[in-house]
């Protein structure tokens, strides 16, 4: 998972005009073909930067490693009408110091 470094609009983004993203991943984790499960990544440092304003919030991008192609893995869309309970979501757990 990489932080996006440029602006983009949901209704106009295409493969050809996708924004740049940072070359170093914010978080990594295994994605197994055939698994039907929720996945999670720890992006605490990125989220803290968004909150305190030290990092611009342009979103994140999932990018595959050399070992697996995301063309072989499927993620549900936020537009999933068949089963809204399977739409992706962002869960944030925080603690007040």
Protein backbone atom coordinates (compact mmCIF):
# COMPACT_ATOMS: atom_id res chain seq x y z
CA UNK A 1 0.00 0.00 0.00
CA UNK A 2 1.46 3.33 -1.09
CA UNK A 3 0.49 6.92 -0.35
CA UNK A 4 -0.71 8.87 -3.36
CA UNK A 5 1.23 12.10 -3.87
CA UNK A 6 -0.97 13.90 -6.38
CA UNK A 7 -4.52 15.15 -6.69
CA UNK A 8 -7.20 13.10 -8.46
CA UNK A 9 -10.96 13.05 -8.83
CA UNK A 10 -13.04 9.88 -8.48
CA UNK A 11 -15.29 10.70 -11.42
CA UNK A 12 -12.49 11.50 -13.88
CA UNK A 13 -9.58 9.22 -12.95
CA UNK A 14 -8.47 6.67 -15.55
CA UNK A 15 -5.49 4.37 -15.96
CA UNK A 16 -3.86 7.01 -18.18
CA UNK A 17 -4.24 9.96 -15.78
CA UNK A 18 -3.65 8.22 -12.45
CA UNK A 19 -1.66 10.28 -9.94
CA UNK A 20 1.86 9.47 -8.79
CA UNK A 21 2.48 7.64 -5.55
CA UNK A 22 5.45 7.36 -3.21
CA UNK A 23 7.91 4.62 -4.27
CA UNK A 24 8.28 3.19 -0.74
CA UNK A 25 5.28 1.32 0.69
CA UNK A 26 3.47 2.56 3.77
CA UNK A 27 2.54 -1.00 4.66
CA UNK A 28 2.89 -4.46 3.19
CA UNK A 29 1.06 -7.69 3.80
CA UNK A 30 0.29 -10.97 2.11
CA UNK A 31 -2.56 -11.27 -0.36
CA UNK A 32 -3.40 -14.89 -1.10
CA UNK A 33 -5.20 -15.87 -4.28
CA UNK A 34 -8.47 -17.62 -3.57
CA UNK A 35 -8.83 -16.30 -0.01
CA UNK A 36 -12.21 -14.75 0.65
CA UNK A 37 -11.46 -12.64 3.68
CA UNK A 38 -11.01 -9.09 4.93
CA UNK A 39 -7.46 -7.74 4.61
CA UNK A 40 -5.86 -5.03 6.66
CA UNK A 41 -2.76 -2.89 6.59
CA UNK A 42 -1.27 -0.71 9.34
CA UNK A 43 -1.00 2.85 8.07
CA UNK A 44 -0.75 4.54 11.48
CA UNK A 45 2.13 6.85 10.56
CA UNK A 46 0.42 7.97 7.36
CA UNK A 47 -2.87 8.56 9.17
CA UNK A 48 -1.11 10.60 11.87
CA UNK A 49 0.45 12.74 9.14
CA UNK A 50 -2.97 13.31 7.61
CA UNK A 51 -4.39 14.31 10.99
CA UNK A 52 -1.58 16.71 11.95
CA UNK A 53 -1.29 18.12 8.43
CA UNK A 54 2.32 17.10 7.84
CA UNK A 55 1.30 14.81 4.94
CA UNK A 56 -1.18 15.72 2.23
CA UNK A 57 -4.17 13.37 2.16
CA UNK A 58 -4.51 12.20 -1.44
CA UNK A 59 -5.40 8.64 -0.50
CA UNK A 60 -3.67 5.32 -0.94
CA UNK A 61 -3.10 2.86 -3.76
CA UNK A 62 -2.81 -0.91 -3.60
CA UNK A 63 0.07 -2.09 -5.75
CA UNK A 64 1.18 -5.68 -6.23
CA UNK A 65 4.64 -7.04 -5.54
CA UNK A 66 6.62 -9.13 -8.00
CA UNK A 67 5.22 -12.33 -6.48
CA UNK A 68 1.54 -11.84 -7.30
CA UNK A 69 -0.39 -9.86 -9.84
CA UNK A 70 -3.52 -8.07 -8.67
CA UNK A 71 -5.03 -9.11 -11.98
CA UNK A 72 -5.41 -12.49 -10.25
CA UNK A 73 -6.94 -11.04 -7.07
CA UNK A 74 -10.29 -9.32 -6.85
CA UNK A 75 -11.38 -6.59 -4.44
CA UNK A 76 -14.95 -5.41 -3.99
CA UNK A 77 -15.79 -1.90 -5.06
CA UNK A 78 -17.49 0.82 -3.02
CA UNK A 79 -20.20 0.54 -5.68
CA UNK A 80 -20.88 -3.15 -4.89
CA UNK A 81 -24.66 -3.39 -5.16
CA UNK A 82 -24.93 -7.17 -4.77
CA UNK A 83 -23.66 -7.20 -1.21
CA UNK A 84 -23.14 -3.80 0.45
CA UNK A 85 -21.64 -5.56 3.50
CA UNK A 86 -18.64 -6.50 1.35
CA UNK A 87 -17.77 -2.95 0.33
CA UNK A 88 -14.29 -1.83 1.37
CA UNK A 89 -14.12 0.24 4.52
CA UNK A 90 -11.64 2.18 6.54
CA UNK A 91 -11.55 1.36 10.24
CA UNK A 92 -9.51 3.60 12.49
CA UNK A 93 -8.63 2.64 16.03
CA UNK A 94 -7.23 5.49 18.08
CA UNK A 95 -6.35 6.30 21.66
CA UNK A 96 -6.65 9.64 23.41
CA UNK A 97 -3.40 10.26 25.33
